[in-house]
């Protein structure tokens, strides 16, 4: 018997698993297929053209595995690829990420909020758009965090060096009076305890994963795809080393069994086992 149609989720590495965990909570019976492109992490240091090419190939591979919807669990890839993917795959509903500036603006009392993100997201159109749409009268401090996603992907979640990097980025924001801090990369919730140690309780740290899961539920219902007929299975794939990937799903309460290796082929396509 063929498996139930699934929901594809992809990111440049392990970060999108934070989104997958929120999706699993919202949709416990859906089949999930997660791909972490660890061979190309971090996307934040790559060109928009590269990211789009990766995203197209990943989507093709996930659709071939039976995905009925795709979640781009990466702010950088969402900014570079969401609109082109919707045009290229009109029969597939997509849900992307955008920095959670709106809830930060709604929360702030100081009138100053911060955003931590990759260089590509800080410089990209998606963040600029949400600031223009929602941040009327509110100062938004945008801080690029070069190397942080790679460090997290390497499993460095609580070292003195990682904390020092985060302090270097966050403490100047605190001095300028932020009372809300947006995590603008899906990797960053994995170091949320460190971030909250630095910000203290007076600053609300905002992770958009739950909002993405709620949007997916809505999209599936609108498109008549919310069958709820699956058994809650999850399959994980990585283009990196599977053994380095295994610990994180369990850390987030996800059960995905054996992590399997996806292979990038010379023609730019992705083969998933």
Protein backbone atom coordinates (compact mmCIF):
# COMPACT_ATOMS: atom_id res chain seq x y z
CA UNK A 1 0.00 0.00 0.00
CA UNK A 2 1.37 3.43 -0.97
CA UNK A 3 2.11 5.83 1.89
CA UNK A 4 -0.26 8.74 2.50
CA UNK A 5 0.60 11.99 0.70
CA UNK A 6 3.04 13.95 2.83
CA UNK A 7 4.10 17.45 3.75
CA UNK A 8 7.59 18.34 2.56
CA UNK A 9 9.73 20.58 4.76
CA UNK A 10 13.19 21.83 3.83
CA UNK A 11 15.97 24.03 5.14
CA UNK A 12 19.68 24.50 4.61
CA UNK A 13 20.33 22.25 7.59
CA UNK A 14 18.90 21.28 10.97
CA UNK A 15 17.23 24.62 11.74
CA UNK A 16 13.99 23.83 9.97
CA UNK A 17 13.43 20.98 12.41
CA UNK A 18 12.21 23.67 14.84
CA UNK A 19 9.43 24.36 12.33
CA UNK A 20 8.83 20.64 11.81
CA UNK A 21 8.32 20.27 15.57
CA UNK A 22 5.62 22.96 15.53
CA UNK A 23 3.98 21.31 12.50
CA UNK A 24 4.00 17.94 14.24
CA UNK A 25 2.22 19.49 17.25
CA UNK A 26 -0.41 21.08 15.00
CA UNK A 27 -0.82 18.09 12.65
CA UNK A 28 0.01 14.94 14.63
CA UNK A 29 -1.27 12.48 11.99
CA UNK A 30 0.28 13.95 8.84
CA UNK A 31 3.23 12.25 7.17
CA UNK A 32 6.23 14.60 7.23
CA UNK A 33 9.28 14.48 4.95
CA UNK A 34 12.16 16.69 6.04
CA UNK A 35 15.23 17.54 3.98
CA UNK A 36 18.21 19.39 5.45
CA UNK A 37 20.64 20.59 2.79
CA UNK A 38 23.63 20.36 5.11
CA UNK A 39 26.01 20.02 2.17
CA UNK A 40 25.21 23.63 1.23
CA UNK A 41 24.71 25.21 4.66
CA UNK A 42 24.56 28.13 5.28
CA UNK A 43 22.25 29.51 2.61
CA UNK A 44 22.75 32.97 4.07
CA UNK A 45 26.19 33.19 2.44
CA UNK A 46 24.98 32.11 -1.02
CA UNK A 47 23.56 34.02 -3.97
CA UNK A 48 19.83 34.22 -4.64
CA UNK A 49 20.38 32.29 -7.88
CA UNK A 50 22.10 29.42 -6.05
CA UNK A 51 19.40 29.27 -3.40
CA UNK A 52 16.65 29.22 -6.01
CA UNK A 53 18.35 26.39 -7.92
CA UNK A 54 18.70 24.34 -4.72
CA UNK A 55 15.07 25.06 -3.77
CA UNK A 56 13.71 23.98 -7.16
CA UNK A 57 15.65 20.69 -7.08
CA UNK A 58 14.61 19.98 -3.48
CA UNK A 59 10.96 20.66 -4.29
CA UNK A 60 11.10 18.34 -7.30
CA UNK A 61 12.57 15.59 -5.12
CA UNK A 62 9.98 16.06 -2.36
CA UNK A 63 7.09 16.09 -4.82
CA UNK A 64 8.46 12.90 -6.38
CA UNK A 65 8.34 11.34 -2.88
CA UNK A 66 4.63 12.11 -2.67
CA UNK A 67 4.41 15.52 -1.01
CA UNK A 68 1.10 17.35 -1.37
CA UNK A 69 2.41 20.62 0.15
CA UNK A 70 5.85 22.12 0.83
CA UNK A 71 7.03 24.28 3.72
CA UNK A 72 10.16 26.36 3.12
CA UNK A 73 11.46 26.27 6.70
CA UNK A 74 14.20 28.79 5.99
CA UNK A 75 13.92 32.58 5.93
CA UNK A 76 16.71 32.96 3.38
CA UNK A 77 15.23 30.40 0.96
CA UNK A 78 11.73 31.84 1.43
CA UNK A 79 12.96 35.28 0.44
CA UNK A 80 14.84 33.99 -2.62
CA UNK A 81 12.56 31.21 -3.83
CA UNK A 82 8.96 31.33 -2.55
CA UNK A 83 7.44 33.33 -5.43
CA UNK A 84 9.35 31.49 -8.20
CA UNK A 85 8.45 28.11 -6.68
CA UNK A 86 4.76 28.99 -6.63
CA UNK A 87 5.00 29.91 -10.31
CA UNK A 88 6.93 26.77 -11.24
CA UNK A 89 4.75 24.36 -9.20
CA UNK A 90 1.24 25.87 -9.40
CA UNK A 91 -0.38 22.63 -8.23
CA UNK A 92 1.59 22.56 -4.95
CA UNK A 93 0.70 24.86 -2.04
CA UNK A 94 3.77 26.45 -0.41
CA UNK A 95 4.17 28.00 3.01
CA UNK A 96 7.24 30.14 3.57
CA UNK A 97 8.87 32.01 6.43
CA UNK A 98 9.00 35.72 7.05
CA UNK A 99 10.63 37.50 9.99
CA UNK A 100 8.09 37.90 12.82
CA UNK A 101 8.26 41.68 12.88
CA UNK A 102 4.49 42.12 13.24
CA UNK A 103 4.17 40.38 16.65
CA UNK A 104 7.32 42.17 17.84
CA UNK A 105 5.81 45.53 16.91
CA UNK A 106 2.53 44.59 18.60
CA UNK A 107 4.43 43.66 21.77
CA UNK A 108 6.87 46.54 22.11
CA UNK A 109 6.40 49.29 24.67
CA UNK A 110 9.83 50.83 24.20
CA UNK A 111 9.33 51.35 20.45
CA UNK A 112 12.54 49.47 19.65
CA UNK A 113 12.73 45.84 18.49
CA UNK A 114 15.59 43.70 17.24
CA UNK A 115 15.96 41.07 14.52
CA UNK A 116 18.72 38.45 14.41
CA UNK A 117 19.11 36.90 10.96
CA UNK A 118 21.53 35.77 8.30
CA UNK A 119 23.28 38.33 6.14
CA UNK A 120 21.07 37.41 3.17
CA UNK A 121 17.87 37.92 5.19
CA UNK A 122 19.07 41.21 6.69
CA UNK A 123 19.86 42.51 3.20
CA UNK A 124 16.89 40.87 1.48
CA UNK A 125 13.56 42.19 0.28
CA UNK A 126 11.41 40.02 2.58
CA UNK A 127 12.60 41.65 5.80
CA UNK A 128 12.44 45.12 4.25
CA UNK A 129 8.85 44.44 3.17
CA UNK A 130 7.62 43.36 6.61
CA UNK A 131 9.33 46.35 8.24
CA UNK A 132 7.62 48.68 5.75
CA UNK A 133 4.24 47.00 6.30
CA UNK A 134 4.20 46.71 10.07
CA UNK A 135 6.87 48.80 11.81
CA UNK A 136 5.19 52.19 11.66
CA UNK A 137 6.76 54.38 14.33
CA UNK A 138 8.88 51.50 15.66
CA UNK A 139 12.66 51.26 15.27
CA UNK A 140 13.76 47.86 13.95
CA UNK A 141 17.43 47.04 14.57
CA UNK A 142 18.56 44.44 12.03
CA UNK A 143 21.61 42.40 13.02
CA UNK A 144 23.32 39.91 10.71
CA UNK A 145 24.86 36.93 12.51
CA UNK A 146 27.56 35.56 10.18
CA UNK A 147 28.58 32.01 10.97
CA UNK A 148 25.88 31.37 13.60
CA UNK A 149 23.76 29.01 11.49
CA UNK A 150 26.87 26.99 10.57
CA UNK A 151 27.95 26.85 14.22
CA UNK A 152 24.49 25.58 15.23
CA UNK A 153 24.51 23.05 12.40
CA UNK A 154 27.80 21.76 13.77
CA UNK A 155 26.11 21.13 17.13
CA UNK A 156 27.69 24.05 19.01
CA UNK A 157 24.61 25.11 20.99
CA UNK A 158 25.99 26.12 24.39
CA UNK A 159 29.69 26.93 24.17
CA UNK A 160 31.49 29.93 25.61
CA UNK A 161 32.37 30.97 22.04
CA UNK A 162 28.76 30.87 20.84
CA UNK A 163 27.60 32.87 23.86
CA UNK A 164 30.33 35.45 23.23
CA UNK A 165 29.21 35.86 19.62
CA UNK A 166 25.58 36.29 20.67
CA UNK A 167 26.51 38.83 23.35
CA UNK A 168 28.47 40.82 20.76
CA UNK A 169 25.32 41.07 18.62
CA UNK A 170 22.63 41.38 21.28
CA UNK A 171 24.12 43.63 23.96
CA UNK A 172 24.28 46.71 21.69
CA UNK A 173 20.57 46.15 20.95
CA UNK A 174 19.83 46.00 24.67
CA UNK A 175 21.68 49.29 25.14
CA UNK A 176 19.37 50.83 22.54
CA UNK A 177 16.30 49.68 24.44
CA UNK A 178 14.84 46.67 22.62
CA UNK A 179 12.05 44.84 24.44
CA UNK A 180 11.37 42.26 21.68
CA UNK A 181 13.84 40.18 19.69
CA UNK A 182 12.87 38.30 16.52
CA UNK A 183 14.66 35.08 15.62
CA UNK A 184 14.94 35.55 11.87
CA UNK A 185 16.54 32.19 11.08
CA UNK A 186 15.05 28.79 11.87
CA UNK A 187 18.40 27.63 13.30
CA UNK A 188 18.34 30.25 16.05
CA UNK A 189 15.61 28.73 18.30
CA UNK A 190 18.12 25.94 18.99
CA UNK A 191 20.22 28.48 20.93
CA UNK A 192 17.22 30.24 22.47
CA UNK A 193 18.31 29.36 26.03
CA UNK A 194 21.59 31.22 25.41
CA UNK A 195 19.77 34.14 23.84
CA UNK A 196 17.35 34.43 26.76
CA UNK A 197 20.25 34.24 29.22
CA UNK A 198 21.66 37.36 27.53
CA UNK A 199 18.41 39.30 27.06
CA UNK A 200 16.91 38.54 30.44
CA UNK A 201 13.16 38.29 31.12
CA UNK A 202 12.36 41.87 30.11
CA UNK A 203 12.84 41.07 26.41
CA UNK A 204 10.36 38.86 24.58
CA UNK A 205 12.13 36.45 22.21
CA UNK A 206 9.90 35.64 19.23
CA UNK A 207 10.10 32.41 17.21
CA UNK A 208 7.72 32.28 14.20
CA UNK A 209 7.49 28.45 14.03
CA UNK A 210 4.02 28.21 15.60
CA UNK A 211 2.67 30.86 13.21
CA UNK A 212 4.01 28.87 10.23
CA UNK A 213 2.32 25.72 11.52
CA UNK A 214 -0.99 27.58 11.93
CA UNK A 215 -0.69 28.92 8.38
CA UNK A 216 -0.04 25.42 7.04
CA UNK A 217 -3.17 24.10 8.77
CA UNK A 218 -5.15 26.91 7.13
CA UNK A 219 -3.66 26.30 3.66
CA UNK A 220 -4.32 22.55 3.80
CA UNK A 221 -7.94 23.21 4.79
CA UNK A 222 -8.41 25.81 2.03
CA UNK A 223 -7.04 23.42 -0.61
CA UNK A 224 -8.98 20.39 0.62
CA UNK A 225 -5.77 18.59 1.59
CA UNK A 226 -6.33 18.27 5.35
CA UNK A 227 -7.13 14.57 5.28
CA UNK A 228 -5.66 13.67 8.66
CA UNK A 229 -5.49 10.11 7.34
CA UNK A 230 -1.81 9.44 7.97
CA UNK A 231 -0.15 7.69 10.90
CA UNK A 232 2.18 10.53 11.91
CA UNK A 233 5.27 9.04 10.27
CA UNK A 234 8.30 11.26 9.68
CA UNK A 235 11.15 10.69 7.25
CA UNK A 236 14.36 12.71 7.50
CA UNK A 237 16.94 13.21 4.76
CA UNK A 238 20.18 15.20 4.69
CA UNK A 239 22.75 15.96 2.02
CA UNK A 240 25.36 16.02 4.80
CA UNK A 241 26.42 13.30 7.20
CA UNK A 242 23.38 11.46 8.62
CA UNK A 243 25.12 10.54 11.90
CA UNK A 244 25.60 14.25 12.71
CA UNK A 245 21.90 14.86 12.13
CA UNK A 246 20.39 12.24 14.43
CA UNK A 247 20.50 14.00 17.82
CA UNK A 248 18.47 17.09 16.92
CA UNK A 249 15.08 15.55 16.05
CA UNK A 250 15.04 13.77 19.43
CA UNK A 251 16.02 17.02 21.16
CA UNK A 252 12.88 18.59 19.66
CA UNK A 253 10.63 15.64 20.47
CA UNK A 254 10.49 14.39 16.88
CA UNK A 255 10.61 10.73 15.90
CA UNK A 256 12.04 10.27 12.43
CA UNK A 257 13.83 6.94 12.56
CA UNK A 258 16.92 6.49 10.43
CA UNK A 259 18.18 9.67 8.76
CA UNK A 260 18.93 8.91 5.12
CA UNK A 261 21.39 10.51 2.74
CA UNK A 262 20.21 12.61 -0.19
CA UNK A 263 22.71 12.99 -3.01
CA UNK A 264 23.24 16.03 -5.24
CA UNK A 265 23.83 14.82 -8.81
CA UNK A 266 26.14 16.47 -11.38
CA UNK A 267 23.14 17.87 -13.31
CA UNK A 268 22.00 19.81 -10.21
CA UNK A 269 19.12 17.48 -9.34
CA UNK A 270 18.65 15.86 -5.92
CA UNK A 271 18.18 12.12 -5.43
CA UNK A 272 16.36 11.02 -2.27
CA UNK A 273 16.43 7.32 -1.35
